[in-house]
N, C-alpha and C. Protein backbone atom coordinates (compact mmCIF):
# COMPACT_ATOMS: atom_id res chain seq x y z
N MET A 1 -2.67 -8.02 21.55
CA MET A 1 -3.85 -7.85 20.63
C MET A 1 -4.10 -8.68 19.50
N SER A 2 -5.43 -8.61 19.24
CA SER A 2 -5.56 -9.72 18.45
C SER A 2 -5.41 -9.11 17.00
N TYR A 3 -5.29 -9.93 15.98
CA TYR A 3 -5.39 -9.31 14.15
C TYR A 3 -6.83 -9.49 14.67
N LEU A 4 -7.98 -9.91 14.86
CA LEU A 4 -9.33 -9.91 14.78
C LEU A 4 -10.03 -8.80 15.19
N ASP A 5 -9.68 -8.00 16.24
CA ASP A 5 -10.18 -6.93 16.53
C ASP A 5 -9.98 -5.50 15.41
N HIS A 6 -10.30 -4.76 15.99
CA HIS A 6 -10.33 -3.44 15.05
C HIS A 6 -9.02 -2.54 14.70
N GLU A 7 -8.64 -2.59 15.56
CA GLU A 7 -7.12 -1.91 15.56
C GLU A 7 -6.02 -2.51 14.55
N TYR A 8 -6.75 -3.61 13.96
CA TYR A 8 -5.38 -3.73 12.53
C TYR A 8 -6.32 -4.61 11.34
N ARG A 9 -5.66 -4.26 10.16
CA ARG A 9 -5.84 -4.96 9.08
C ARG A 9 -5.01 -5.51 8.60
N GLU A 10 -5.63 -6.47 7.84
CA GLU A 10 -4.89 -7.64 6.69
C GLU A 10 -4.77 -7.49 5.92
N ILE A 11 -3.39 -6.71 5.07
CA ILE A 11 -3.20 -6.43 3.63
C ILE A 11 -2.44 -7.82 2.85
N ILE A 12 -2.95 -7.88 2.04
CA ILE A 12 -2.34 -9.14 0.90
C ILE A 12 -1.54 -8.74 0.20
N THR A 13 -0.04 -8.50 0.07
CA THR A 13 1.00 -7.81 -0.81
C THR A 13 1.85 -8.96 -1.35
N LYS A 14 2.30 -8.62 -2.43
CA LYS A 14 3.54 -9.73 -2.90
C LYS A 14 4.65 -8.75 -1.97
N ALA A 15 5.73 -9.73 -1.75
CA ALA A 15 6.85 -9.29 -1.26
C ALA A 15 8.07 -10.27 -1.59
N VAL A 16 9.55 -9.64 -0.80
CA VAL A 16 10.42 -10.62 -0.95
C VAL A 16 10.35 -11.83 -0.05
N CYS A 17 10.23 -13.19 -0.52
CA CYS A 17 9.81 -13.93 0.68
C CYS A 17 11.23 -14.91 0.65
N GLY A 18 12.39 -14.62 0.43
CA GLY A 18 13.58 -15.71 0.49
C GLY A 18 14.42 -14.86 -0.46
N LYS A 19 16.07 -15.12 0.05
CA LYS A 19 16.94 -14.46 -0.44
C LYS A 19 17.78 -15.48 -0.25
N GLY A 20 19.26 -15.25 -1.63
CA GLY A 20 20.06 -16.23 -1.63
C GLY A 20 21.00 -15.77 -2.14
N ARG A 21 22.70 -16.45 -2.33
CA ARG A 21 23.92 -15.72 -3.07
C ARG A 21 24.30 -17.10 -3.02
N LYS A 22 24.82 -17.54 -3.78
CA LYS A 22 26.15 -18.32 -4.36
C LYS A 22 27.33 -17.86 -5.33
N PHE A 23 28.46 -18.23 -5.00
CA PHE A 23 29.03 -17.77 -5.58
C PHE A 23 29.89 -19.30 -6.27
N THR A 24 30.70 -19.94 -7.32
CA THR A 24 30.91 -21.34 -7.74
C THR A 24 32.32 -20.92 -8.39
N GLU A 25 33.03 -21.08 -8.41
CA GLU A 25 34.75 -22.01 -9.13
C GLU A 25 34.62 -23.13 -9.64
N ALA A 26 34.65 -22.92 -11.26
CA ALA A 26 34.63 -24.31 -11.95
C ALA A 26 35.71 -24.34 -13.02
N THR A 27 36.17 -26.12 -12.97
CA THR A 27 37.21 -26.07 -13.85
C THR A 27 36.53 -26.73 -15.45
N HIS A 28 37.12 -26.11 -16.19
CA HIS A 28 36.38 -27.18 -17.69
C HIS A 28 37.93 -27.47 -18.31
N HIS A 29 37.58 -28.03 -19.27
CA HIS A 29 38.74 -28.79 -20.04
C HIS A 29 38.30 -28.96 -21.58
N VAL A 30 38.87 -28.35 -21.80
CA VAL A 30 38.95 -27.78 -23.73
C VAL A 30 39.72 -29.01 -24.08
N SER A 31 39.18 -29.36 -25.52
CA SER A 31 39.80 -30.17 -26.15
C SER A 31 40.02 -29.29 -27.55
N PRO A 32 41.43 -28.76 -27.74
CA PRO A 32 41.62 -27.80 -29.28
C PRO A 32 41.56 -29.31 -30.39
N SER A 33 42.14 -28.75 -31.43
CA SER A 33 42.50 -29.55 -32.38
C SER A 33 43.85 -30.03 -32.52
N HIS A 34 44.40 -28.84 -32.18
CA HIS A 34 45.83 -29.19 -32.09
C HIS A 34 46.78 -29.49 -30.52
N ASN A 35 47.99 -29.84 -30.65
CA ASN A 35 48.32 -29.79 -28.91
C ASN A 35 48.80 -28.23 -28.81
N PRO A 36 48.54 -27.85 -28.39
CA PRO A 36 48.59 -26.41 -27.58
C PRO A 36 50.47 -25.93 -26.97
N SER A 37 50.93 -25.15 -27.76
CA SER A 37 52.11 -24.48 -27.81
C SER A 37 52.35 -23.56 -26.36
N SER A 38 51.26 -22.71 -26.89
CA SER A 38 51.18 -21.40 -25.53
C SER A 38 49.77 -21.12 -25.41
N ILE A 39 49.42 -20.53 -24.68
CA ILE A 39 47.78 -19.87 -24.26
C ILE A 39 48.15 -18.35 -24.78
N LEU A 40 47.30 -17.47 -25.50
CA LEU A 40 47.52 -16.57 -25.74
C LEU A 40 46.65 -15.69 -25.48
N GLY A 41 45.25 -16.08 -25.04
CA GLY A 41 43.82 -15.11 -24.51
C GLY A 41 42.87 -16.23 -24.19
N CYS A 42 42.23 -15.96 -22.89
CA CYS A 42 40.95 -17.03 -22.88
C CYS A 42 40.09 -15.98 -22.48
N TRP A 43 38.79 -15.83 -23.13
CA TRP A 43 37.67 -15.32 -22.61
C TRP A 43 36.25 -16.04 -22.39
N VAL A 44 35.20 -15.38 -21.73
CA VAL A 44 34.31 -16.26 -21.64
C VAL A 44 32.88 -15.03 -21.64
N ILE A 45 31.85 -15.70 -22.94
CA ILE A 45 31.11 -15.11 -23.51
C ILE A 45 29.86 -15.53 -24.01
N ASN A 46 28.76 -14.92 -24.22
CA ASN A 46 27.25 -15.51 -24.46
C ASN A 46 26.70 -16.16 -23.36
N HIS A 47 26.72 -15.33 -22.10
CA HIS A 47 26.31 -16.07 -21.15
C HIS A 47 24.49 -15.91 -21.02
N LEU A 48 24.21 -17.39 -20.56
CA LEU A 48 22.69 -17.40 -20.68
C LEU A 48 21.97 -18.18 -19.68
N TYR A 49 21.11 -18.02 -18.77
CA TYR A 49 20.58 -18.41 -17.90
C TYR A 49 19.20 -18.49 -17.70
N ASN A 50 18.24 -19.21 -16.49
CA ASN A 50 17.43 -19.11 -16.01
C ASN A 50 17.13 -19.62 -14.81
N ALA A 51 15.91 -19.44 -13.78
CA ALA A 51 16.59 -19.90 -12.46
C ALA A 51 14.85 -20.41 -12.28
N LYS A 52 14.93 -21.58 -11.23
CA LYS A 52 13.37 -21.69 -11.33
C LYS A 52 13.87 -22.34 -9.20
N LYS A 53 12.60 -22.15 -8.79
CA LYS A 53 12.94 -22.70 -7.51
C LYS A 53 12.34 -24.13 -7.56
N LYS A 54 13.56 -24.63 -6.90
CA LYS A 54 12.96 -26.10 -7.12
C LYS A 54 12.64 -26.60 -5.83
N SER A 55 13.23 -25.98 -4.61
CA SER A 55 12.09 -26.74 -3.25
C SER A 55 12.45 -25.89 -2.50
N GLU A 56 11.77 -26.04 -0.77
CA GLU A 56 11.63 -25.09 -0.27
C GLU A 56 12.44 -24.15 0.43
N ASP A 57 13.79 -24.62 -0.06
CA ASP A 57 14.96 -23.42 0.59
C ASP A 57 15.75 -24.08 -0.83
N THR A 58 16.12 -24.13 -2.00
CA THR A 58 16.98 -23.70 -3.28
C THR A 58 16.30 -23.16 -4.34
N VAL A 59 16.87 -22.18 -5.03
CA VAL A 59 16.80 -22.19 -6.36
C VAL A 59 17.83 -22.99 -6.97
N GLU A 60 17.43 -23.29 -8.13
CA GLU A 60 18.32 -23.96 -9.45
C GLU A 60 18.09 -23.04 -10.59
N ILE A 61 19.91 -22.69 -10.56
CA ILE A 61 19.83 -21.96 -11.72
C ILE A 61 20.77 -22.68 -12.98
N SER A 62 20.41 -23.15 -14.44
CA SER A 62 20.63 -23.44 -15.22
C SER A 62 21.01 -22.35 -16.32
N GLY A 63 22.24 -22.62 -16.77
CA GLY A 63 23.23 -21.54 -17.67
C GLY A 63 24.16 -22.15 -18.79
N SER A 64 24.57 -21.54 -19.85
CA SER A 64 25.77 -21.84 -20.87
C SER A 64 26.31 -20.85 -20.49
N TYR A 65 27.63 -21.08 -21.23
CA TYR A 65 28.48 -19.61 -21.88
C TYR A 65 29.34 -20.57 -22.73
N ASP A 66 30.11 -19.73 -23.48
CA ASP A 66 31.40 -20.27 -24.60
C ASP A 66 32.56 -19.85 -23.88
N ILE A 67 33.48 -20.37 -23.92
CA ILE A 67 34.60 -20.57 -23.37
C ILE A 67 35.55 -19.88 -25.02
N ASN A 68 36.01 -19.11 -25.23
CA ASN A 68 37.05 -18.95 -26.35
C ASN A 68 38.39 -18.76 -25.73
N ILE A 69 39.31 -19.51 -27.00
CA ILE A 69 40.60 -19.42 -25.76
C ILE A 69 41.63 -19.78 -27.32
N TRP A 70 42.52 -18.62 -27.34
CA TRP A 70 43.33 -18.13 -28.34
C TRP A 70 44.57 -18.73 -28.10
N TYR A 71 45.36 -19.76 -28.88
CA TYR A 71 46.32 -20.24 -28.31
C TYR A 71 47.07 -20.63 -30.06
N SER A 72 48.67 -20.74 -29.27
CA SER A 72 49.45 -21.25 -30.46
C SER A 72 49.38 -22.93 -30.63
N TYR A 73 50.13 -23.34 -31.66
CA TYR A 73 50.45 -24.92 -31.76
C TYR A 73 51.88 -25.02 -33.30
N ASN A 74 52.14 -25.94 -33.00
CA ASN A 74 53.30 -26.32 -34.19
C ASN A 74 54.81 -25.04 -33.48
N ASP A 75 55.11 -25.94 -32.37
CA ASP A 75 56.32 -24.97 -31.81
C ASP A 75 56.08 -22.84 -32.01
N ASN A 76 54.85 -22.98 -31.52
CA ASN A 76 54.52 -21.29 -31.30
C ASN A 76 54.65 -20.93 -33.15
N THR A 77 54.54 -21.47 -33.92
CA THR A 77 54.32 -21.07 -35.33
C THR A 77 53.05 -20.88 -35.73
N ARG A 78 51.78 -21.13 -35.18
CA ARG A 78 50.60 -20.95 -36.02
C ARG A 78 49.52 -20.98 -35.08
N THR A 79 48.52 -20.37 -34.76
CA THR A 79 47.62 -19.66 -33.72
C THR A 79 46.01 -20.20 -34.03
N GLU A 80 45.50 -20.01 -33.15
CA GLU A 80 44.26 -20.78 -33.58
C GLU A 80 43.00 -20.49 -32.23
N VAL A 81 41.79 -20.11 -32.51
CA VAL A 81 40.82 -19.97 -30.96
C VAL A 81 39.90 -21.25 -31.10
N VAL A 82 39.69 -21.64 -30.20
CA VAL A 82 39.25 -22.94 -30.18
C VAL A 82 37.67 -21.72 -29.36
N THR A 83 36.76 -22.71 -29.32
CA THR A 83 35.30 -22.64 -28.97
C THR A 83 34.60 -23.34 -28.27
N GLU A 84 34.16 -23.38 -26.85
CA GLU A 84 33.47 -24.76 -26.21
C GLU A 84 32.43 -24.38 -25.57
N ARG A 85 31.05 -24.79 -25.92
CA ARG A 85 30.09 -23.92 -25.17
C ARG A 85 29.47 -24.86 -23.64
N VAL A 86 30.03 -24.30 -22.67
CA VAL A 86 29.78 -25.06 -21.36
C VAL A 86 28.19 -25.04 -20.83
N THR A 87 27.85 -25.96 -20.15
CA THR A 87 26.65 -25.83 -19.33
C THR A 87 26.57 -26.21 -18.30
N TYR A 88 26.15 -25.56 -17.30
CA TYR A 88 26.13 -25.66 -15.84
C TYR A 88 24.86 -25.68 -14.80
N THR A 89 24.84 -25.93 -13.80
CA THR A 89 23.62 -25.59 -13.11
C THR A 89 24.15 -25.50 -11.40
N ASP A 90 23.94 -24.73 -11.30
CA ASP A 90 24.15 -24.22 -10.02
C ASP A 90 22.63 -23.98 -8.45
N LYS A 91 22.63 -24.53 -7.46
CA LYS A 91 21.82 -24.73 -6.60
C LYS A 91 22.12 -23.43 -5.79
N VAL A 92 21.43 -22.82 -5.64
CA VAL A 92 21.20 -21.63 -4.53
C VAL A 92 20.57 -21.76 -3.25
N PRO A 93 20.91 -22.27 -2.25
CA PRO A 93 20.37 -22.02 -0.94
C PRO A 93 20.04 -20.64 -0.48
N LEU A 94 18.51 -20.58 0.01
CA LEU A 94 17.83 -19.63 0.36
C LEU A 94 18.65 -19.14 1.94
N SER A 95 19.14 -18.14 2.31
CA SER A 95 19.46 -18.02 3.62
C SER A 95 18.74 -17.49 4.18
N VAL A 96 17.73 -16.76 4.13
CA VAL A 96 16.89 -15.77 4.12
C VAL A 96 15.34 -16.38 3.81
N LYS A 97 14.53 -16.63 4.37
CA LYS A 97 13.66 -17.27 4.09
C LYS A 97 11.94 -16.80 5.35
N ASP A 98 10.98 -16.43 4.24
CA ASP A 98 9.89 -16.41 4.93
C ASP A 98 8.88 -17.48 4.79
N ASP A 99 8.41 -18.30 5.77
CA ASP A 99 7.43 -19.08 6.10
C ASP A 99 6.08 -18.76 5.76
N ASN A 100 5.65 -17.81 5.91
CA ASN A 100 4.18 -17.23 6.17
C ASN A 100 3.81 -16.88 4.94
N SER A 101 4.97 -17.12 3.71
CA SER A 101 3.81 -17.02 2.48
C SER A 101 2.62 -17.97 1.92
N LEU A 102 1.60 -16.91 1.35
CA LEU A 102 0.32 -17.77 0.95
C LEU A 102 0.17 -18.64 0.22
N ASN A 103 0.98 -18.97 -0.45
CA ASN A 103 1.19 -19.99 -1.57
C ASN A 103 2.35 -20.68 -2.57
N ASP A 104 2.26 -21.51 -3.16
CA ASP A 104 3.38 -21.62 -3.69
C ASP A 104 3.60 -20.86 -5.01
N ASP A 105 3.08 -20.51 -5.32
CA ASP A 105 3.24 -19.36 -6.88
C ASP A 105 3.96 -18.45 -6.36
N TYR A 106 5.59 -18.69 -6.84
CA TYR A 106 6.47 -17.57 -6.66
C TYR A 106 6.82 -17.28 -7.83
N ASP A 107 7.34 -15.73 -7.87
CA ASP A 107 8.22 -15.50 -8.89
C ASP A 107 9.63 -15.73 -8.56
N VAL A 108 10.62 -15.97 -9.15
CA VAL A 108 12.02 -16.13 -9.16
C VAL A 108 13.01 -15.13 -9.65
N ILE A 109 13.93 -14.01 -8.88
CA ILE A 109 14.26 -13.32 -9.92
C ILE A 109 16.24 -13.49 -9.74
N ALA A 110 16.89 -13.91 -10.69
CA ALA A 110 18.23 -13.73 -10.20
C ALA A 110 19.11 -13.17 -10.54
N LYS A 111 19.82 -12.32 -9.86
CA LYS A 111 20.42 -11.50 -10.84
C LYS A 111 22.18 -12.02 -11.09
N VAL A 112 22.71 -11.68 -12.19
CA VAL A 112 24.20 -12.03 -11.87
C VAL A 112 24.83 -10.82 -11.20
N VAL A 113 25.99 -11.07 -10.13
CA VAL A 113 26.46 -10.51 -9.24
C VAL A 113 28.18 -10.30 -9.74
N GLN A 114 28.41 -11.82 -10.43
CA GLN A 114 29.58 -12.10 -10.95
C GLN A 114 29.49 -12.76 -12.14
N GLN A 115 29.49 -12.17 -13.82
CA GLN A 115 29.25 -12.79 -14.79
C GLN A 115 30.55 -13.65 -14.64
N PRO A 116 30.54 -14.97 -15.56
CA PRO A 116 31.68 -15.98 -15.42
C PRO A 116 32.97 -15.09 -16.51
N ASN A 117 33.72 -15.47 -15.67
CA ASN A 117 34.92 -15.18 -15.93
C ASN A 117 36.02 -15.74 -15.38
N CYS A 118 37.35 -15.97 -16.37
CA CYS A 118 38.63 -16.83 -16.60
C CYS A 118 39.02 -16.22 -15.73
N LEU A 119 39.39 -17.15 -14.65
CA LEU A 119 39.76 -16.65 -13.68
C LEU A 119 41.72 -17.34 -14.10
N GLU A 120 42.18 -18.35 -14.38
CA GLU A 120 42.96 -19.24 -14.91
C GLU A 120 42.77 -20.18 -16.30
N CYS A 121 43.93 -19.79 -17.15
CA CYS A 121 43.78 -20.94 -18.27
C CYS A 121 44.91 -21.55 -18.76
N GLU A 122 45.25 -23.04 -18.64
CA GLU A 122 46.65 -23.34 -18.55
C GLU A 122 46.26 -24.92 -19.72
N ILE A 123 47.76 -25.35 -20.13
CA ILE A 123 47.80 -26.07 -20.92
C ILE A 123 47.75 -27.44 -19.88
N THR A 124 47.23 -28.73 -19.86
CA THR A 124 47.39 -29.66 -19.07
C THR A 124 48.72 -30.56 -19.26
N GLU A 125 49.19 -31.03 -17.91
CA GLU A 125 50.08 -32.09 -17.59
C GLU A 125 50.33 -32.89 -18.90
N TYR A 126 49.72 -33.09 -19.89
CA TYR A 126 49.86 -34.24 -20.68
C TYR A 126 49.93 -33.19 -22.29
N GLY A 127 49.43 -31.94 -22.20
CA GLY A 127 49.63 -31.19 -23.27
C GLY A 127 48.29 -31.62 -24.32
N GLN A 128 47.28 -31.84 -24.05
CA GLN A 128 46.32 -32.20 -25.02
C GLN A 128 45.00 -31.48 -24.84
N LYS A 129 44.73 -30.81 -23.71
CA LYS A 129 43.59 -30.11 -23.69
C LYS A 129 44.12 -28.93 -22.30
N ILE A 130 43.52 -28.01 -22.93
CA ILE A 130 43.55 -26.75 -21.73
C ILE A 130 42.23 -26.67 -20.56
N ALA A 131 42.71 -26.45 -19.32
CA ALA A 131 42.05 -26.21 -18.09
C ALA A 131 42.05 -24.64 -17.79
N VAL A 132 40.60 -24.53 -17.76
CA VAL A 132 39.84 -23.04 -17.97
C VAL A 132 39.39 -23.30 -16.67
N GLU A 133 40.23 -22.32 -15.50
CA GLU A 133 38.67 -22.33 -13.93
C GLU A 133 38.00 -20.73 -14.67
N VAL A 134 37.22 -21.30 -14.23
CA VAL A 134 35.88 -19.80 -14.24
C VAL A 134 35.23 -19.48 -12.91
N GLU A 135 35.12 -18.53 -12.86
CA GLU A 135 34.11 -18.09 -11.41
C GLU A 135 32.88 -17.09 -12.20
N ARG A 136 31.80 -17.15 -10.95
CA ARG A 136 30.51 -16.74 -11.47
C ARG A 136 29.90 -16.79 -9.89
N GLU A 137 29.00 -15.75 -9.59
CA GLU A 137 28.00 -15.09 -8.71
C GLU A 137 26.76 -15.28 -8.63
N PHE A 138 25.67 -15.29 -8.47
CA PHE A 138 24.58 -14.93 -8.32
C PHE A 138 23.68 -14.71 -7.06
N GLY A 139 23.31 -14.04 -7.18
CA GLY A 139 22.16 -13.56 -5.74
C GLY A 139 20.27 -13.75 -6.79
N VAL A 140 19.56 -14.34 -5.85
CA VAL A 140 18.22 -14.85 -6.13
C VAL A 140 17.10 -14.00 -4.72
N GLN A 141 16.13 -13.55 -5.39
CA GLN A 141 15.14 -13.51 -4.40
C GLN A 141 13.86 -14.07 -4.84
N ILE A 142 13.42 -14.58 -4.18
CA ILE A 142 11.55 -15.26 -4.25
C ILE A 142 10.71 -14.34 -3.69
N ILE A 143 9.97 -14.27 -4.34
CA ILE A 143 8.76 -12.82 -4.36
C ILE A 143 7.32 -13.84 -4.46
N GLY A 144 7.05 -13.73 -3.45
CA GLY A 144 5.37 -13.95 -3.12
C GLY A 144 4.44 -13.38 -2.46
N GLU A 145 3.14 -13.81 -2.06
CA GLU A 145 2.30 -13.15 -1.62
C GLU A 145 2.55 -13.39 0.30
N THR A 146 2.40 -12.83 0.32
CA THR A 146 2.00 -12.57 2.26
C THR A 146 1.00 -11.46 2.98
N LYS A 147 0.81 -11.73 4.06
CA LYS A 147 -0.51 -10.72 4.73
C LYS A 147 0.89 -9.87 5.38
N VAL A 148 0.38 -8.85 5.57
CA VAL A 148 1.02 -8.11 6.36
C VAL A 148 -0.24 -6.99 7.15
N ALA A 149 0.11 -6.93 8.08
CA ALA A 149 -0.75 -6.38 9.56
C ALA A 149 -0.73 -4.58 9.76
N VAL A 150 -1.67 -3.83 9.82
CA VAL A 150 -1.46 -2.73 9.82
C VAL A 150 -2.29 -2.27 10.93
N LYS A 151 -1.40 -1.55 11.87
CA LYS A 151 -2.67 -0.76 12.62
C LYS A 151 -3.36 0.21 12.06
N VAL A 152 -4.88 0.72 12.72
CA VAL A 152 -5.77 1.66 11.94
C VAL A 152 -5.68 2.24 12.95
N ASP A 153 -5.81 3.83 12.32
CA ASP A 153 -6.30 5.02 13.50
C ASP A 153 -7.45 4.95 14.09
N GLN A 154 -8.24 4.73 14.91
CA GLN A 154 -9.35 4.33 15.35
C GLN A 154 -10.31 5.75 15.23
N LYS A 155 -9.55 7.12 15.55
CA LYS A 155 -9.94 8.04 15.17
C LYS A 155 -10.08 8.68 13.69
N GLY A 156 -9.29 7.96 12.88
CA GLY A 156 -10.09 8.44 11.51
C GLY A 156 -9.19 9.65 10.86
N LEU A 157 -8.13 10.05 11.89
CA LEU A 157 -6.86 11.56 11.69
C LEU A 157 -6.30 11.28 10.22
N ALA A 158 -6.96 12.22 9.69
CA ALA A 158 -5.89 12.50 8.14
C ALA A 158 -5.27 13.64 7.89
N PHE A 159 -3.43 13.17 7.64
CA PHE A 159 -2.76 14.15 7.49
C PHE A 159 -3.33 15.25 6.40
N ASP A 160 -2.50 16.53 6.57
CA ASP A 160 -2.15 17.50 5.56
C ASP A 160 -0.73 17.90 5.50
N ASP A 161 -0.62 18.00 4.12
CA ASP A 161 0.78 18.56 4.11
C ASP A 161 1.05 19.74 5.05
N ASP A 162 0.13 20.32 5.20
CA ASP A 162 0.06 21.83 6.60
C ASP A 162 0.18 21.23 7.82
N ASP A 163 -0.05 20.03 7.92
CA ASP A 163 -0.05 19.83 9.37
C ASP A 163 1.35 19.15 9.78
N TRP A 164 2.20 19.13 8.83
CA TRP A 164 3.40 19.16 9.86
C TRP A 164 4.40 20.31 10.12
N GLY A 165 3.95 20.98 10.02
CA GLY A 165 4.86 22.20 10.31
C GLY A 165 5.85 22.72 9.76
N ALA A 166 5.63 22.76 7.89
CA ALA A 166 6.51 23.16 7.61
C ALA A 166 6.73 24.76 6.75
N ASP A 167 5.68 25.26 7.52
CA ASP A 167 5.09 26.81 6.88
C ASP A 167 6.56 27.69 7.71
N ILE A 168 7.09 28.50 6.80
CA ILE A 168 8.32 29.36 7.38
C ILE A 168 7.32 30.73 7.50
N THR A 169 7.93 30.91 8.96
CA THR A 169 7.62 32.09 9.70
C THR A 169 8.40 33.37 9.06
N ASP A 170 7.54 34.45 9.31
CA ASP A 170 8.43 35.80 8.64
C ASP A 170 9.55 36.25 9.51
N ASP A 171 9.58 35.30 10.94
CA ASP A 171 10.89 35.69 11.65
C ASP A 171 11.95 34.41 10.93
N GLU A 172 12.04 33.33 10.72
CA GLU A 172 12.74 32.43 9.88
C GLU A 172 13.03 33.45 8.62
N LEU A 173 11.98 33.85 7.96
CA LEU A 173 12.18 34.61 6.58
C LEU A 173 13.43 35.40 7.00
N ASN A 174 13.17 36.43 7.55
CA ASN A 174 14.51 37.58 7.76
C ASN A 174 15.30 36.98 8.48
N ASP A 175 15.66 35.62 8.99
CA ASP A 175 17.19 35.05 8.83
C ASP A 175 17.92 35.01 8.13
N VAL A 176 17.70 34.09 6.89
CA VAL A 176 17.91 34.17 5.70
C VAL A 176 19.08 35.17 5.65
N GLU A 177 20.26 35.05 5.34
CA GLU A 177 21.35 35.75 4.72
C GLU A 177 21.24 35.43 3.16
N PRO A 178 21.09 36.18 2.28
CA PRO A 178 20.58 36.36 0.96
C PRO A 178 22.26 36.01 0.55
N ASP A 179 23.24 36.20 0.82
CA ASP A 179 24.68 36.49 0.30
C ASP A 179 25.04 35.10 0.85
N PHE A 180 24.32 34.18 1.60
CA PHE A 180 25.24 33.09 1.60
C PHE A 180 25.76 31.87 0.51
N VAL A 181 25.34 32.06 -0.73
CA VAL A 181 25.56 31.68 -1.61
C VAL A 181 26.46 32.38 -2.63
N ASP A 182 27.50 32.02 -2.65
CA ASP A 182 28.36 33.22 -3.39
C ASP A 182 27.90 33.44 -4.98
N SER A 183 27.94 34.39 -5.78
CA SER A 183 27.58 34.57 -6.93
C SER A 183 28.38 33.96 -8.33
N GLY A 184 29.70 33.27 -7.49
CA GLY A 184 30.65 33.24 -8.46
C GLY A 184 30.65 31.71 -8.37
N SER A 185 29.72 31.11 -7.97
CA SER A 185 29.87 29.91 -7.84
C SER A 185 29.16 29.12 -8.87
N ASN A 186 29.50 27.96 -9.74
CA ASN A 186 28.89 27.21 -10.87
C ASN A 186 28.30 25.66 -10.11
N PHE A 187 27.55 25.79 -10.59
CA PHE A 187 26.68 24.55 -9.75
C PHE A 187 26.68 23.48 -10.94
N SER A 188 26.96 23.56 -12.51
CA SER A 188 26.62 23.05 -13.07
C SER A 188 27.48 21.73 -13.08
N ASP A 189 28.76 21.70 -12.44
CA ASP A 189 29.86 20.53 -12.66
C ASP A 189 29.75 19.86 -11.97
């Protein structure tokens, strides 16, 4: 059957034309003001990112976040928090893609599956820097214009709600048991 005959119509619509997902682990080295004695806490905040379609099968996510490390120094007699802004670029491969999109005008949707999170924070072997291992994960979708073919009903039948046989007959109504629901039941829980 051909799309040119009268049995089909082509509809141009926006649809998901590509999908991808990427998990990343990265290690960052932070230089505090003092040689650390011990790590008291580490957290990642202020995550910002944007995404662009870079090639036929890749989305590039550029972002940044702050790493905050609370550490002690001077033989554990003093504490301080060091903050370092980290930038990154993740290339997310499209594992699913539709080669039938109509143009190159795409919308890119990137969603964080796993916010940047500290996995491990430790003092490096020379004791002057702190190594922070961070994980993050993104899911991306490419939205573009595509064609969808639909079959046309040549008879032009229109269906009404009544045509679906949802009417209740008197016999069916008589079979309903009125005490089915316990009057003491509380449905608000």
